PDB file of all heavy atoms in Angstrom:
ATOM      1  N   SER A   1       4.965  26.600 -73.157  1.00  0.00           N
ATOM      2  CA  SER A   1       4.448  25.795 -74.296  1.00  0.00           C
ATOM      3  C   SER A   1       4.040  26.735 -75.423  1.00  0.00           C
ATOM      4  O   SER A   1       3.730  27.905 -75.189  1.00  0.00           O
ATOM      5  CB  SER A   1       3.259  24.961 -73.833  1.00  0.00           C
ATOM      6  OG  SER A   1       2.710  24.235 -74.925  1.00  0.00           O
ATOM      7  N   ASP A   2       4.045  26.180 -76.631  1.00  0.00           N
ATOM      8  CA  ASP A   2       3.605  26.922 -77.812  1.00  0.00           C
ATOM      9  C   ASP A   2       4.502  28.120 -78.085  1.00  0.00           C
ATOM     10  O   ASP A   2       4.019  29.209 -78.395  1.00  0.00           O
ATOM     11  CB  ASP A   2       2.133  27.325 -77.710  1.00  0.00           C
ATOM     12  CG  ASP A   2       1.425  27.292 -79.070  1.00  0.00           C
ATOM     13  OD1 ASP A   2       1.823  26.481 -79.902  1.00  0.00           O
ATOM     14  OD2 ASP A   2       0.513  28.107 -79.257  1.00  0.00           O
ATOM     15  N   LEU A   3       5.792  27.904 -77.952  1.00  0.00           N
ATOM     16  CA  LEU A   3       6.782  28.960 -78.257  1.00  0.00           C
ATOM     17  C   LEU A   3       6.909  29.074 -79.742  1.00  0.00           C
ATOM     18  O   LEU A   3       7.609  28.286 -80.381  1.00  0.00           O
ATOM     19  CB  LEU A   3       8.110  28.605 -77.601  1.00  0.00           C
ATOM     20  CG  LEU A   3       9.292  29.529 -77.897  1.00  0.00           C
ATOM     21  CD1 LEU A   3       9.006  30.984 -77.508  1.00  0.00           C
ATOM     22  CD2 LEU A   3      10.566  29.047 -77.195  1.00  0.00           C
ATOM     23  N   LEU A   4       6.235  30.059 -80.323  1.00  0.00           N
ATOM     24  CA  LEU A   4       6.259  30.313 -81.771  1.00  0.00           C
ATOM     25  C   LEU A   4       6.387  31.811 -82.000  1.00  0.00           C
ATOM     26  O   LEU A   4       5.646  32.599 -81.402  1.00  0.00           O
ATOM     27  CB  LEU A   4       4.945  29.801 -82.428  1.00  0.00           C
ATOM     28  CG  LEU A   4       4.626  28.310 -82.283  1.00  0.00           C
ATOM     29  CD1 LEU A   4       3.211  28.027 -82.756  1.00  0.00           C
ATOM     30  CD2 LEU A   4       5.656  27.466 -83.069  1.00  0.00           C
ATOM     31  N   ASN A   5       7.328  32.210 -82.851  1.00  0.00           N
ATOM     32  CA  ASN A   5       7.479  33.602 -83.243  1.00  0.00           C
ATOM     33  C   ASN A   5       7.677  34.524 -82.026  1.00  0.00           C
ATOM     34  O   ASN A   5       7.174  35.639 -81.961  1.00  0.00           O
ATOM     35  CB  ASN A   5       6.264  34.086 -84.054  1.00  0.00           C
ATOM     36  CG  ASN A   5       6.542  35.383 -84.819  1.00  0.00           C
ATOM     37  OD1 ASN A   5       7.686  35.648 -85.175  1.00  0.00           O
ATOM     38  ND2 ASN A   5       5.515  36.152 -85.044  1.00  0.00           N
ATOM     39  N   TYR A   6       8.457  34.073 -81.058  1.00  0.00           N
ATOM     40  CA  TYR A   6       8.686  34.833 -79.825  1.00  0.00           C
ATOM     41  C   TYR A   6      10.034  34.332 -79.281  1.00  0.00           C
ATOM     42  O   TYR A   6      10.636  33.436 -79.826  1.00  0.00           O
ATOM     43  CB  TYR A   6       7.566  34.591 -78.815  1.00  0.00           C
ATOM     44  CG  TYR A   6       7.455  35.635 -77.729  1.00  0.00           C
ATOM     45  CD1 TYR A   6       7.059  36.942 -78.002  1.00  0.00           C
ATOM     46  CD2 TYR A   6       7.713  35.295 -76.413  1.00  0.00           C
ATOM     47  CE1 TYR A   6       6.932  37.871 -77.002  1.00  0.00           C
ATOM     48  CE2 TYR A   6       7.608  36.239 -75.377  1.00  0.00           C
ATOM     49  CZ  TYR A   6       7.197  37.538 -75.696  1.00  0.00           C
ATOM     50  OH  TYR A   6       7.111  38.459 -74.699  1.00  0.00           O
ATOM     51  N   ALA A   7      10.491  34.920 -78.194  1.00  0.00           N
ATOM     52  CA  ALA A   7      11.739  34.472 -77.547  1.00  0.00           C
ATOM     53  C   ALA A   7      11.412  33.548 -76.394  1.00  0.00           C
ATOM     54  O   ALA A   7      10.375  33.682 -75.748  1.00  0.00           O
ATOM     55  CB  ALA A   7      12.522  35.650 -77.065  1.00  0.00           C
ATOM     56  N   GLY A   8      12.300  32.615 -76.105  1.00  0.00           N
ATOM     57  CA  GLY A   8      12.128  31.737 -74.979  1.00  0.00           C
ATOM     58  C   GLY A   8      12.239  32.445 -73.647  1.00  0.00           C
ATOM     59  O   GLY A   8      12.907  33.476 -73.527  1.00  0.00           O
ATOM     60  N   MET A   9      11.605  31.880 -72.640  1.00  0.00           N
ATOM     61  CA  MET A   9      11.655  32.484 -71.307  1.00  0.00           C
ATOM     62  C   MET A   9      12.732  31.795 -70.475  1.00  0.00           C
ATOM     63  O   MET A   9      12.854  30.574 -70.509  1.00  0.00           O
ATOM     64  CB  MET A   9      10.303  32.372 -70.598  1.00  0.00           C
ATOM     65  CG  MET A   9      10.250  33.159 -69.278  1.00  0.00           C
ATOM     66  SD  MET A   9       8.589  33.325 -68.607  1.00  0.00           S
ATOM     67  CE  MET A   9       8.492  31.823 -67.617  1.00  0.00           C
ATOM     68  N   TRP A  10      13.481  32.589 -69.708  1.00  0.00           N
ATOM     69  CA  TRP A  10      14.460  32.118 -68.767  1.00  0.00           C
ATOM     70  C   TRP A  10      14.082  32.677 -67.391  1.00  0.00           C
ATOM     71  O   TRP A  10      13.077  33.399 -67.254  1.00  0.00           O
ATOM     72  CB  TRP A  10      15.868  32.583 -69.138  1.00  0.00           C
ATOM     73  CG  TRP A  10      16.344  32.108 -70.501  1.00  0.00           C
ATOM     74  CD1 TRP A  10      15.687  32.248 -71.683  1.00  0.00           C
ATOM     75  CD2 TRP A  10      17.562  31.435 -70.800  1.00  0.00           C
ATOM     76  NE1 TRP A  10      16.426  31.677 -72.729  1.00  0.00           N
ATOM     77  CE2 TRP A  10      17.591  31.191 -72.168  1.00  0.00           C
ATOM     78  CE3 TRP A  10      18.660  31.029 -70.030  1.00  0.00           C
ATOM     79  CZ2 TRP A  10      18.652  30.548 -72.817  1.00  0.00           C
ATOM     80  CZ3 TRP A  10      19.708  30.400 -70.667  1.00  0.00           C
ATOM     81  CH2 TRP A  10      19.715  30.126 -72.032  1.00  0.00           C
ATOM     82  N   LEU A  11      14.850  32.377 -66.376  1.00  0.00           N
ATOM     83  CA  LEU A  11      14.525  32.800 -65.016  1.00  0.00           C
ATOM     84  C   LEU A  11      15.686  33.482 -64.324  1.00  0.00           C
ATOM     85  O   LEU A  11      16.843  33.188 -64.571  1.00  0.00           O
ATOM     86  CB  LEU A  11      14.121  31.599 -64.158  1.00  0.00           C
ATOM     87  CG  LEU A  11      12.933  30.748 -64.587  1.00  0.00           C
ATOM     88  CD1 LEU A  11      12.746  29.570 -63.643  1.00  0.00           C
ATOM     89  CD2 LEU A  11      11.661  31.588 -64.658  1.00  0.00           C
ATOM     90  N   ARG A  12      15.332  34.415 -63.440  1.00  0.00           N
ATOM     91  CA  ARG A  12      16.236  34.942 -62.430  1.00  0.00           C
ATOM     92  C   ARG A  12      15.469  35.018 -61.114  1.00  0.00           C
ATOM     93  O   ARG A  12      14.235  35.123 -61.112  1.00  0.00           O
ATOM     94  CB  ARG A  12      16.746  36.347 -62.799  1.00  0.00           C
ATOM     95  CG  ARG A  12      17.679  36.374 -64.014  1.00  0.00           C
ATOM     96  CD  ARG A  12      18.354  37.740 -64.142  1.00  0.00           C
ATOM     97  NE  ARG A  12      19.093  37.872 -65.390  1.00  0.00           N
ATOM     98  CZ  ARG A  12      20.356  37.454 -65.565  1.00  0.00           C
ATOM     99  NH1 ARG A  12      20.996  36.877 -64.554  1.00  0.00           N
ATOM    100  NH2 ARG A  12      20.981  37.614 -66.705  1.00  0.00           N
ATOM    101  N   GLY A  13      16.170  34.906 -60.010  1.00  0.00           N
ATOM    102  CA  GLY A  13      15.548  34.983 -58.723  1.00  0.00           C
ATOM    103  C   GLY A  13      15.372  36.420 -58.254  1.00  0.00           C
ATOM    104  O   GLY A  13      15.875  37.387 -58.828  1.00  0.00           O
ATOM    105  N   ASN A  14      14.601  36.557 -57.101  1.00  0.00           N
ATOM    106  CA  ASN A  14      14.437  37.898 -56.515  1.00  0.00           C
ATOM    107  C   ASN A  14      14.925  37.929 -55.073  1.00  0.00           C
ATOM    108  O   ASN A  14      14.688  38.934 -54.368  1.00  0.00           O
ATOM    109  CB  ASN A  14      12.988  38.353 -56.609  1.00  0.00           C
ATOM    110  CG  ASN A  14      12.040  37.467 -55.801  1.00  0.00           C
ATOM    111  OD1 ASN A  14      12.433  36.617 -55.039  1.00  0.00           O
ATOM    112  ND2 ASN A  14      10.739  37.700 -56.001  1.00  0.00           N
ATOM    113  N   SER A  15      15.589  36.857 -54.618  1.00  0.00           N
ATOM    114  CA  SER A  15      16.136  36.728 -53.250  1.00  0.00           C
ATOM    115  C   SER A  15      15.051  36.746 -52.173  1.00  0.00           C
ATOM    116  O   SER A  15      15.366  36.851 -51.000  1.00  0.00           O
ATOM    117  CB  SER A  15      17.152  37.850 -52.989  1.00  0.00           C
ATOM    118  OG  SER A  15      18.219  37.777 -53.875  1.00  0.00           O
ATOM    119  N   LYS A  16      13.787  36.641 -52.571  1.00  0.00           N
ATOM    120  CA  LYS A  16      12.670  36.661 -51.613  1.00  0.00           C
ATOM    121  C   LYS A  16      11.787  35.436 -51.742  1.00  0.00           C
ATOM    122  O   LYS A  16      10.663  35.436 -51.308  1.00  0.00           O
ATOM    123  CB  LYS A  16      11.858  37.925 -51.799  1.00  0.00           C
ATOM    124  CG  LYS A  16      12.610  39.247 -51.575  1.00  0.00           C
ATOM    125  CD  LYS A  16      11.725  40.428 -51.852  1.00  0.00           C
ATOM    126  CE  LYS A  16      12.484  41.734 -51.662  1.00  0.00           C
ATOM    127  NZ  LYS A  16      11.616  42.930 -51.954  1.00  0.00           N
ATOM    128  N   GLY A  17      12.316  34.397 -52.406  1.00  0.00           N
ATOM    129  CA  GLY A  17      11.535  33.202 -52.565  1.00  0.00           C
ATOM    130  C   GLY A  17      10.761  33.129 -53.867  1.00  0.00           C
ATOM    131  O   GLY A  17       9.908  32.267 -54.054  1.00  0.00           O
ATOM    132  N   GLY A  18      11.047  34.051 -54.799  1.00  0.00           N
ATOM    133  CA  GLY A  18      10.368  34.049 -56.060  1.00  0.00           C
ATOM    134  C   GLY A  18      11.326  34.101 -57.243  1.00  0.00           C
ATOM    135  O   GLY A  18      12.541  34.288 -57.087  1.00  0.00           O
ATOM    136  N   VAL A  19      10.769  33.879 -58.430  1.00  0.00           N
ATOM    137  CA  VAL A  19      11.541  33.986 -59.674  1.00  0.00           C
ATOM    138  C   VAL A  19      10.755  34.852 -60.655  1.00  0.00           C
ATOM    139  O   VAL A  19       9.562  35.051 -60.511  1.00  0.00           O
ATOM    140  CB  VAL A  19      11.826  32.601 -60.287  1.00  0.00           C
ATOM    141  CG1 VAL A  19      12.744  31.792 -59.395  1.00  0.00           C
ATOM    142  CG2 VAL A  19      10.542  31.860 -60.581  1.00  0.00           C
ATOM    143  N   LYS A  20      11.457  35.333 -61.629  1.00  0.00           N
ATOM    144  CA  LYS A  20      10.807  36.144 -62.684  1.00  0.00           C
ATOM    145  C   LYS A  20      11.315  35.737 -64.060  1.00  0.00           C
ATOM    146  O   LYS A  20      12.461  35.274 -64.190  1.00  0.00           O
ATOM    147  CB  LYS A  20      11.047  37.630 -62.458  1.00  0.00           C
ATOM    148  CG  LYS A  20      12.487  38.061 -62.616  1.00  0.00           C
ATOM    149  CD  LYS A  20      12.641  39.580 -62.425  1.00  0.00           C
ATOM    150  CE  LYS A  20      14.125  40.004 -62.598  1.00  0.00           C
ATOM    151  NZ  LYS A  20      14.279  41.465 -62.436  1.00  0.00           N
ATOM    152  N   GLY A  21      10.478  35.870 -65.054  1.00  0.00           N
ATOM    153  CA  GLY A  21      10.864  35.556 -66.399  1.00  0.00           C
ATOM    154  C   GLY A  21      11.750  36.627 -66.977  1.00  0.00           C
ATOM    155  O   GLY A  21      11.518  37.823 -66.794  1.00  0.00           O
ATOM    156  N   VAL A  22      12.806  36.219 -67.656  1.00  0.00           N
ATOM    157  CA  VAL A  22      13.670  37.137 -68.412  1.00  0.00           C
ATOM    158  C   VAL A  22      13.839  36.548 -69.817  1.00  0.00           C
ATOM    159  O   VAL A  22      13.669  35.338 -70.014  1.00  0.00           O
ATOM    160  CB  VAL A  22      15.029  37.343 -67.741  1.00  0.00           C
ATOM    161  CG1 VAL A  22      14.854  38.106 -66.439  1.00  0.00           C
ATOM    162  CG2 VAL A  22      15.747  36.026 -67.515  1.00  0.00           C
ATOM    163  N   PHE A  23      14.197  37.406 -70.786  1.00  0.00           N
ATOM    164  CA  PHE A  23      14.144  36.993 -72.191  1.00  0.00           C
ATOM    165  C   PHE A  23      15.349  37.496 -72.961  1.00  0.00           C
ATOM    166  O   PHE A  23      15.844  38.616 -72.695  1.00  0.00           O
ATOM    167  CB  PHE A  23      12.872  37.561 -72.823  1.00  0.00           C
ATOM    168  CG  PHE A  23      11.608  37.160 -72.127  1.00  0.00           C
ATOM    169  CD1 PHE A  23      11.148  37.894 -71.035  1.00  0.00           C
ATOM    170  CD2 PHE A  23      10.917  36.044 -72.523  1.00  0.00           C
ATOM    171  CE1 PHE A  23       9.989  37.531 -70.356  1.00  0.00           C
ATOM    172  CE2 PHE A  23       9.758  35.656 -71.850  1.00  0.00           C
ATOM    173  CZ  PHE A  23       9.293  36.386 -70.771  1.00  0.00           C
ATOM    174  N   PRO A  24      15.841  36.696 -73.904  1.00  0.00           N
ATOM    175  CA  PRO A  24      16.881  37.189 -74.818  1.00  0.00           C
ATOM    176  C   PRO A  24      16.241  38.129 -75.837  1.00  0.00           C
ATOM    177  O   PRO A  24      15.396  37.731 -76.641  1.00  0.00           O
ATOM    178  CB  PRO A  24      17.392  35.906 -75.492  1.00  0.00           C
ATOM    179  CG  PRO A  24      16.256  34.953 -75.427  1.00  0.00           C
ATOM    180  CD  PRO A  24      15.487  35.300 -74.159  1.00  0.00           C
ATOM    181  N   TYR A  25      16.602  39.409 -75.767  1.00  0.00           N
ATOM    182  CA  TYR A  25      16.004  40.374 -76.665  1.00  0.00           C
ATOM    183  C   TYR A  25      16.477  40.156 -78.087  1.00  0.00           C
ATOM    184  O   TYR A  25      17.440  39.456 -78.368  1.00  0.00           O
ATOM    185  CB  TYR A  25      16.310  41.782 -76.172  1.00  0.00           C
ATOM    186  CG  TYR A  25      15.349  42.285 -75.095  1.00  0.00           C
ATOM    187  CD1 TYR A  25      15.055  41.512 -73.968  1.00  0.00           C
ATOM    188  CD2 TYR A  25      14.698  43.507 -75.231  1.00  0.00           C
ATOM    189  CE1 TYR A  25      14.183  41.945 -73.011  1.00  0.00           C
ATOM    190  CE2 TYR A  25      13.796  43.947 -74.280  1.00  0.00           C
ATOM    191  CZ  TYR A  25      13.533  43.162 -73.167  1.00  0.00           C
ATOM    192  OH  TYR A  25      12.665  43.606 -72.205  1.00  0.00           O
ATOM    193  N   TYR A  26      15.738  40.769 -79.013  1.00  0.00           N
ATOM    194  CA  TYR A  26      15.988  40.557 -80.456  1.00  0.00           C
ATOM    195  C   TYR A  26      17.414  40.926 -80.830  1.00  0.00           C
ATOM    196  O   TYR A  26      17.894  41.984 -80.438  1.00  0.00           O
ATOM    197  CB  TYR A  26      14.990  41.389 -81.248  1.00  0.00           C
ATOM    198  CG  TYR A  26      14.817  40.957 -82.674  1.00  0.00           C
ATOM    199  CD1 TYR A  26      13.761  40.114 -83.036  1.00  0.00           C
ATOM    200  CD2 TYR A  26      15.707  41.380 -83.662  1.00  0.00           C
ATOM    201  CE1 TYR A  26      13.595  39.708 -84.358  1.00  0.00           C
ATOM    202  CE2 TYR A  26      15.548  40.989 -84.979  1.00  0.00           C
ATOM    203  CZ  TYR A  26      14.501  40.132 -85.329  1.00  0.00           C
ATOM    204  OH  TYR A  26      14.360  39.738 -86.627  1.00  0.00           O
ATOM    205  N   PRO A  27      18.096  40.062 -81.563  1.00  0.00           N
ATOM    206  CA  PRO A  27      19.482  40.362 -81.935  1.00  0.00           C
ATOM    207  C   PRO A  27      19.594  41.575 -82.859  1.00  0.00           C
ATOM    208  O   PRO A  27      18.825  41.717 -83.803  1.00  0.00           O
ATOM    209  CB  PRO A  27      19.937  39.084 -82.692  1.00  0.00           C
ATOM    210  CG  PRO A  27      18.982  38.038 -82.242  1.00  0.00           C
ATOM    211  CD  PRO A  27      17.678  38.732 -81.997  1.00  0.00           C
ATOM    212  N   LYS A  28      20.551  42.440 -82.539  1.00  0.00           N
ATOM    213  CA  LYS A  28      20.844  43.588 -83.375  1.00  0.00           C
ATOM    214  C   LYS A  28      22.111  43.359 -84.178  1.00  0.00           C
ATOM    215  O   LYS A  28      22.187  43.673 -85.373  1.00  0.00           O
ATOM    216  CB  LYS A  28      20.988  44.845 -82.523  1.00  0.00           C
ATOM    217  CG  LYS A  28      21.170  46.146 -83.307  1.00  0.00           C
ATOM    218  CD  LYS A  28      21.179  47.345 -82.371  1.00  0.00           C
ATOM    219  CE  LYS A  28      21.296  48.644 -83.116  1.00  0.00           C
ATOM    220  NZ  LYS A  28      21.294  49.833 -82.213  1.00  0.00           N
ATOM    221  N   LYS A  29      23.136  42.827 -83.513  1.00  0.00           N
ATOM    222  CA  LYS A  29      24.392  42.479 -84.180  1.00  0.00           C
ATOM    223  C   LYS A  29      24.805  41.071 -83.749  1.00  0.00           C
ATOM    224  O   LYS A  29      24.628  40.686 -82.578  1.00  0.00           O
ATOM    225  CB  LYS A  29      25.466  43.459 -83.815  1.00  0.00           C
ATOM    226  CG  LYS A  29      25.281  44.861 -84.331  1.00  0.00           C
ATOM    227  CD  LYS A  29      26.445  45.782 -83.938  1.00  0.00           C
ATOM    228  CE  LYS A  29      26.260  47.198 -84.426  1.00  0.00           C
ATOM    229  NZ  LYS A  29      27.364  48.085 -84.034  1.00  0.00           N
ATOM    230  N   LYS A  30      25.346  40.291 -84.709  1.00  0.00           N
ATOM    231  CA  LYS A  30      25.813  38.937 -84.422  1.00  0.00           C
ATOM    232  C   LYS A  30      27.193  38.749 -84.988  1.00  0.00           C
ATOM    233  O   LYS A  30      27.546  39.352 -85.984  1.00  0.00           O
ATOM    234  CB  LYS A  30      24.824  37.908 -85.047  1.00  0.00           C
ATOM    235  CG  LYS A  30      23.445  37.941 -84.452  1.00  0.00           C
ATOM    236  CD  LYS A  30      22.485  36.983 -85.167  1.00  0.00           C
ATOM    237  CE  LYS A  30      22.109  37.521 -86.519  1.00  0.00           C
ATOM    238  NZ  LYS A  30      21.046  36.692 -87.173  1.00  0.00           N
ATOM    239  N   GLU A  31      27.950  37.892 -84.308  1.00  0.00           N
ATOM    240  CA  GLU A  31      29.307  37.598 -84.740  1.00  0.00           C
ATOM    241  C   GLU A  31      29.442  36.079 -84.919  1.00  0.00           C
ATOM    242  O   GLU A  31      29.052  35.305 -84.043  1.00  0.00           O
ATOM    243  CB  GLU A  31      30.324  38.058 -83.685  1.00  0.00           C
ATOM    244  CG  GLU A  31      30.346  39.547 -83.437  1.00  0.00           C
ATOM    245  CD  GLU A  31      31.302  39.967 -82.331  1.00  0.00           C
ATOM    246  OE1 GLU A  31      31.982  39.042 -81.811  1.00  0.00           O
ATOM    247  OE2 GLU A  31      31.349  41.137 -81.992  1.00  0.00           O
ATOM    248  N   LEU A  32      30.043  35.649 -86.033  1.00  0.00           N
ATOM    249  CA  LEU A  32      30.273  34.251 -86.282  1.00  0.00           C
ATOM    250  C   LEU A  32      31.650  33.850 -85.781  1.00  0.00           C
ATOM    251  O   LEU A  32      32.654  34.474 -86.173  1.00  0.00           O
ATOM    252  CB  LEU A  32      30.170  33.959 -87.772  1.00  0.00           C
ATOM    253  CG  LEU A  32      30.403  32.494 -88.194  1.00  0.00           C
ATOM    254  CD1 LEU A  32      29.350  31.594 -87.535  1.00  0.00           C
ATOM    255  CD2 LEU A  32      30.381  32.335 -89.708  1.00  0.00           C
ATOM    256  N   ARG A  33      31.669  32.884 -84.909  1.00  0.00           N
ATOM    257  CA  ARG A  33      32.940  32.369 -84.349  1.00  0.00           C
ATOM    258  C   ARG A  33      33.076  30.901 -84.755  1.00  0.00           C
ATOM    259  O   ARG A  33      32.275  30.084 -84.349  1.00  0.00           O
ATOM    260  CB  ARG A  33      32.966  32.540 -82.843  1.00  0.00           C
ATOM    261  CG  ARG A  33      32.870  34.009 -82.386  1.00  0.00           C
ATOM    262  CD  ARG A  33      32.866  34.154 -80.891  1.00  0.00           C
ATOM    263  NE  ARG A  33      32.638  35.572 -80.492  1.00  0.00           N
ATOM    264  CZ  ARG A  33      32.487  35.939 -79.247  1.00  0.00           C
ATOM    265  NH1 ARG A  33      32.559  35.052 -78.267  1.00  0.00           N
ATOM    266  NH2 ARG A  33      32.228  37.211 -78.967  1.00  0.00           N
ATOM    267  N   GLY A  34      34.079  30.628 -85.522  1.00  0.00           N
ATOM    268  CA  GLY A  34      34.262  29.266 -86.028  1.00  0.00           C
ATOM    269  C   GLY A  34      33.255  28.985 -87.130  1.00  0.00           C
ATOM    270  O   GLY A  34      32.811  29.895 -87.845  1.00  0.00           O
ATOM    271  N   ASP A  35      32.902  27.714 -87.272  1.00  0.00           N
ATOM    272  CA  ASP A  35      32.025  27.324 -88.377  1.00  0.00           C
ATOM    273  C   ASP A  35      30.550  27.200 -87.985  1.00  0.00           C
ATOM    274  O   ASP A  35      29.709  26.902 -88.800  1.00  0.00           O
ATOM    275  CB  ASP A  35      32.479  26.010 -88.978  1.00  0.00           C
ATOM    276  CG  ASP A  35      32.429  24.862 -87.974  1.00  0.00           C
ATOM    277  OD1 ASP A  35      32.141  25.125 -86.797  1.00  0.00           O
ATOM    278  OD2 ASP A  35      32.691  23.714 -88.356  1.00  0.00           O
ATOM    279  N   ARG A  36      30.212  27.496 -86.676  1.00  0.00           N
ATOM    280  CA  ARG A  36      28.822  27.244 -86.268  1.00  0.00           C
ATOM    281  C   ARG A  36      28.299  28.154 -85.153  1.00  0.00           C
ATOM    282  O   ARG A  36      27.073  28.197 -84.956  1.00  0.00           O
ATOM    283  CB  ARG A  36      28.699  25.798 -85.789  1.00  0.00           C
ATOM    284  CG  ARG A  36      29.531  25.473 -84.550  1.00  0.00           C
ATOM    285  CD  ARG A  36      29.685  23.945 -84.356  1.00  0.00           C
ATOM    286  NE  ARG A  36      30.480  23.391 -85.390  1.00  0.00           N
ATOM    287  CZ  ARG A  36      30.810  22.109 -85.500  1.00  0.00           C
ATOM    288  NH1 ARG A  36      30.336  21.257 -84.592  1.00  0.00           N
ATOM    289  NH2 ARG A  36      31.564  21.648 -86.472  1.00  0.00           N
ATOM    290  N   ASN A  37      29.149  28.817 -84.400  1.00  0.00           N
ATOM    291  CA  ASN A  37      28.722  29.585 -83.239  1.00  0.00           C
ATOM    292  C   ASN A  37      28.404  31.037 -83.640  1.00  0.00           C
ATOM    293  O   ASN A  37      29.297  31.828 -83.851  1.00  0.00           O
ATOM    294  CB  ASN A  37      29.770  29.566 -82.145  1.00  0.00           C
ATOM    295  CG  ASN A  37      29.995  28.174 -81.591  1.00  0.00           C
ATOM    296  OD1 ASN A  37      29.084  27.337 -81.595  1.00  0.00           O
ATOM    297  ND2 ASN A  37      31.199  27.907 -81.129  1.00  0.00           N
ATOM    298  N   GLU A  38      27.127  31.369 -83.696  1.00  0.00           N
ATOM    299  CA  GLU A  38      26.719  32.724 -84.033  1.00  0.00           C
ATOM    300  C   GLU A  38      26.313  33.423 -82.713  1.00  0.00           C
ATOM    301  O   GLU A  38      25.284  33.158 -82.149  1.00  0.00           O
ATOM    302  CB  GLU A  38      25.529  32.687 -84.991  1.00  0.00           C
ATOM    303  CG  GLU A  38      25.232  34.027 -85.607  1.00  0.00           C
ATOM    304  CD  GLU A  38      24.128  33.966 -86.633  1.00  0.00           C
ATOM    305  OE1 GLU A  38      22.969  33.678 -86.228  1.00  0.00           O
ATOM    306  OE2 GLU A  38      24.362  34.200 -87.837  1.00  0.00           O
ATOM    307  N   ILE A  39      27.186  34.326 -82.269  1.00  0.00           N
ATOM    308  CA  ILE A  39      27.045  34.973 -80.979  1.00  0.00           C
ATOM    309  C   ILE A  39      26.335  36.317 -81.159  1.00  0.00           C
ATOM    310  O   ILE A  39      26.689  37.111 -82.068  1.00  0.00           O
ATOM    311  CB  ILE A  39      28.419  35.235 -80.328  1.00  0.00           C
ATOM    312  CG1 ILE A  39      29.260  33.941 -80.309  1.00  0.00           C
ATOM    313  CG2 ILE A  39      28.240  35.785 -78.926  1.00  0.00           C
ATOM    314  CD1 ILE A  39      28.698  32.836 -79.477  1.00  0.00           C
ATOM    315  N   VAL A  40      25.356  36.613 -80.312  1.00  0.00           N
ATOM    316  CA  VAL A  40      24.696  37.906 -80.341  1.00  0.00           C
ATOM    317  C   VAL A  40      25.557  38.882 -79.553  1.00  0.00           C
ATOM    318  O   VAL A  40      25.756  38.735 -78.362  1.00  0.00           O
ATOM    319  CB  VAL A  40      23.281  37.834 -79.737  1.00  0.00           C
ATOM    320  CG1 VAL A  40      22.640  39.206 -79.701  1.00  0.00           C
ATOM    321  CG2 VAL A  40      22.426  36.862 -80.538  1.00  0.00           C
ATOM    322  N   SER A  41      26.053  39.899 -80.215  1.00  0.00           N
ATOM    323  CA  SER A  41      26.951  40.877 -79.578  1.00  0.00           C
ATOM    324  C   SER A  41      26.230  42.141 -79.122  1.00  0.00           C
ATOM    325  O   SER A  41      26.702  42.909 -78.296  1.00  0.00           O
ATOM    326  CB  SER A  41      28.111  41.237 -80.511  1.00  0.00           C
ATOM    327  OG  SER A  41      27.594  41.756 -81.756  1.00  0.00           O
TER     328      SER A  41
END
């Protein structure tokens, strides 16, 4: 909650019954594909 001025949290497992937060790091380079898809390269 209250995701402001930060990156969203995602999950990966640890194969031991737990999960951990992972994050999309700040974009350095982006590529535009088509008229709307801006991909972080």
